[in-house]
Amino acid sequence: MTSYIIAAIVAGAMILIAALISSAIQYKGGSNPKDPGQRRTWFWIIAIINPILFFILGRFVLAPNPDDDQMVFDEYMKVLPIATSVGFALYIIIGFILSKIFKNGKLGHWF
């Protein structure tokens, strides 16, 4: 259960980082501005980093010691890919919702 909570926290932190990066990219004028594409690119780069970061964190930091109890470790390793997928899906869902809420702002360019 704690893996899912930590996956949600990591996804929230990554959304916050994506929002900060998107806000830092300045508007560019002209007939063909490049800034919406840059915001979208950074959102998806962080979307790729999100599950990788959580899986590494879960495997090497949060995982129980297999020498103490192998069964607990095996059960945890069964849950870790599912929690990683849940964290990734949560990142995409929250990003989509924020993109629709702020469709006239900088976050609206994510999708």
Protein backbone atom coordinates (compact mmCIF):
# COMPACT_ATOMS: atom_id res chain seq x y z
CA MET A 1 0.00 0.00 0.00
CA THR A 2 2.80 2.41 0.78
CA SER A 3 4.24 1.84 -2.69
CA TYR A 4 1.10 3.27 -4.24
CA ILE A 5 1.16 6.28 -1.95
CA ILE A 6 4.81 6.96 -2.72
CA ALA A 7 4.08 6.52 -6.46
CA ALA A 8 1.36 9.16 -6.15
CA ILE A 9 3.73 11.49 -4.28
CA VAL A 10 6.43 11.05 -6.93
CA ALA A 11 3.87 11.66 -9.69
CA GLY A 12 2.69 14.82 -7.93
CA ALA A 13 6.26 16.04 -7.54
CA MET A 14 6.96 15.39 -11.21
CA ILE A 15 3.79 17.27 -12.21
CA LEU A 16 4.99 20.17 -10.08
CA ILE A 17 8.39 20.09 -11.83
CA ALA A 18 6.69 19.97 -15.25
CA ALA A 19 4.48 22.92 -14.29
CA LEU A 20 7.49 24.92 -13.09
CA ILE A 21 9.40 24.22 -16.30
CA SER A 22 6.35 25.10 -18.41
CA SER A 23 5.90 28.34 -16.52
CA ALA A 24 9.57 29.20 -16.98
CA ILE A 25 9.38 28.92 -20.78
CA GLN A 26 8.54 32.38 -22.06
CA TYR A 27 5.90 33.16 -24.64
CA LYS A 28 7.35 33.78 -28.10
CA GLY A 29 5.61 35.97 -30.60
CA GLY A 30 5.35 35.59 -34.32
CA SER A 31 3.27 33.54 -36.68
CA ASN A 32 4.91 30.21 -35.75
CA PRO A 33 5.96 30.28 -32.07
CA LYS A 34 8.02 27.37 -30.74
CA ASP A 35 7.09 27.70 -27.06
CA PRO A 36 3.99 25.41 -27.09
CA GLY A 37 6.08 22.62 -28.55
CA GLN A 38 8.78 23.13 -25.94
CA ARG A 39 6.24 22.88 -23.12
CA ARG A 40 4.73 19.74 -24.60
CA THR A 41 8.18 18.19 -25.08
CA TRP A 42 9.20 18.87 -21.49
CA PHE A 43 5.93 17.43 -20.19
CA TRP A 44 6.55 14.17 -22.04
CA ILE A 45 10.24 14.02 -21.12
CA ILE A 46 9.26 14.22 -17.47
CA ALA A 47 6.50 11.67 -18.13
CA ILE A 48 9.23 9.24 -19.23
CA ILE A 49 11.45 10.09 -16.26
CA ASN A 50 8.60 9.61 -13.76
CA PRO A 51 8.26 5.78 -13.89
CA ILE A 52 12.01 5.29 -14.25
CA LEU A 53 12.69 7.40 -11.18
CA PHE A 54 10.00 5.69 -9.10
CA PHE A 55 11.10 2.19 -10.11
CA ILE A 56 14.72 2.94 -9.22
CA LEU A 57 13.62 4.54 -5.94
CA GLY A 58 11.37 1.60 -5.14
CA ARG A 59 13.90 -1.05 -6.05
CA PHE A 60 17.02 0.35 -4.42
CA VAL A 61 15.72 2.55 -1.58
CA LEU A 62 12.29 1.33 -0.50
CA ALA A 63 12.63 -2.41 -1.10
CA PRO A 64 12.90 -4.60 1.98
CA ASN A 65 16.11 -6.50 2.51
CA PRO A 66 15.83 -9.92 0.82
CA ASP A 67 18.16 -11.41 3.44
CA ASP A 68 15.68 -10.62 6.22
CA ASP A 69 12.56 -12.11 4.66
CA GLN A 70 12.54 -13.40 1.10
CA MET A 71 8.75 -13.74 0.93
CA VAL A 72 8.19 -10.08 1.83
CA PHE A 73 10.78 -9.05 -0.76
CA ASP A 74 9.12 -11.21 -3.44
CA GLU A 75 5.69 -9.77 -2.68
CA TYR A 76 7.08 -6.26 -2.81
CA MET A 77 8.74 -6.94 -6.16
CA LYS A 78 5.36 -8.15 -7.50
CA VAL A 79 3.70 -4.89 -6.46
CA LEU A 80 6.46 -2.53 -7.65
CA PRO A 81 5.70 -2.67 -11.41
CA ILE A 82 1.99 -2.18 -10.72
CA ALA A 83 2.70 0.82 -8.48
CA THR A 84 5.01 2.22 -11.16
CA SER A 85 2.24 1.92 -13.75
CA VAL A 86 -0.26 3.55 -11.40
CA GLY A 87 2.14 6.45 -10.80
CA PHE A 88 2.63 6.92 -14.55
CA ALA A 89 -1.12 6.80 -15.22
CA LEU A 90 -1.72 9.27 -12.41
CA TYR A 91 0.87 11.65 -13.91
CA ILE A 92 -0.86 11.51 -17.31
CA ILE A 93 -4.36 11.93 -15.83
CA ILE A 94 -3.39 14.88 -13.63
CA GLY A 95 -1.50 16.44 -16.55
CA PHE A 96 -4.52 16.07 -18.81
CA ILE A 97 -6.85 17.59 -16.22
CA LEU A 98 -4.51 20.53 -15.61
CA SER A 99 -4.12 20.99 -19.35
CA LYS A 100 -7.88 21.27 -19.77
CA ILE A 101 -8.35 23.51 -16.73
CA PHE A 102 -5.64 25.95 -17.85
CA LYS A 103 -6.26 25.62 -21.60
CA ASN A 104 -5.56 29.32 -22.22
CA GLY A 105 -2.37 29.33 -20.13
CA LYS A 106 1.05 27.78 -20.35
CA LEU A 107 -0.08 24.43 -18.94
CA GLY A 108 -2.70 24.15 -21.67
CA HIS A 109 -0.03 23.24 -24.23
CA TRP A 110 0.77 19.85 -22.68
CA PHE A 111 -1.78 17.97 -24.82
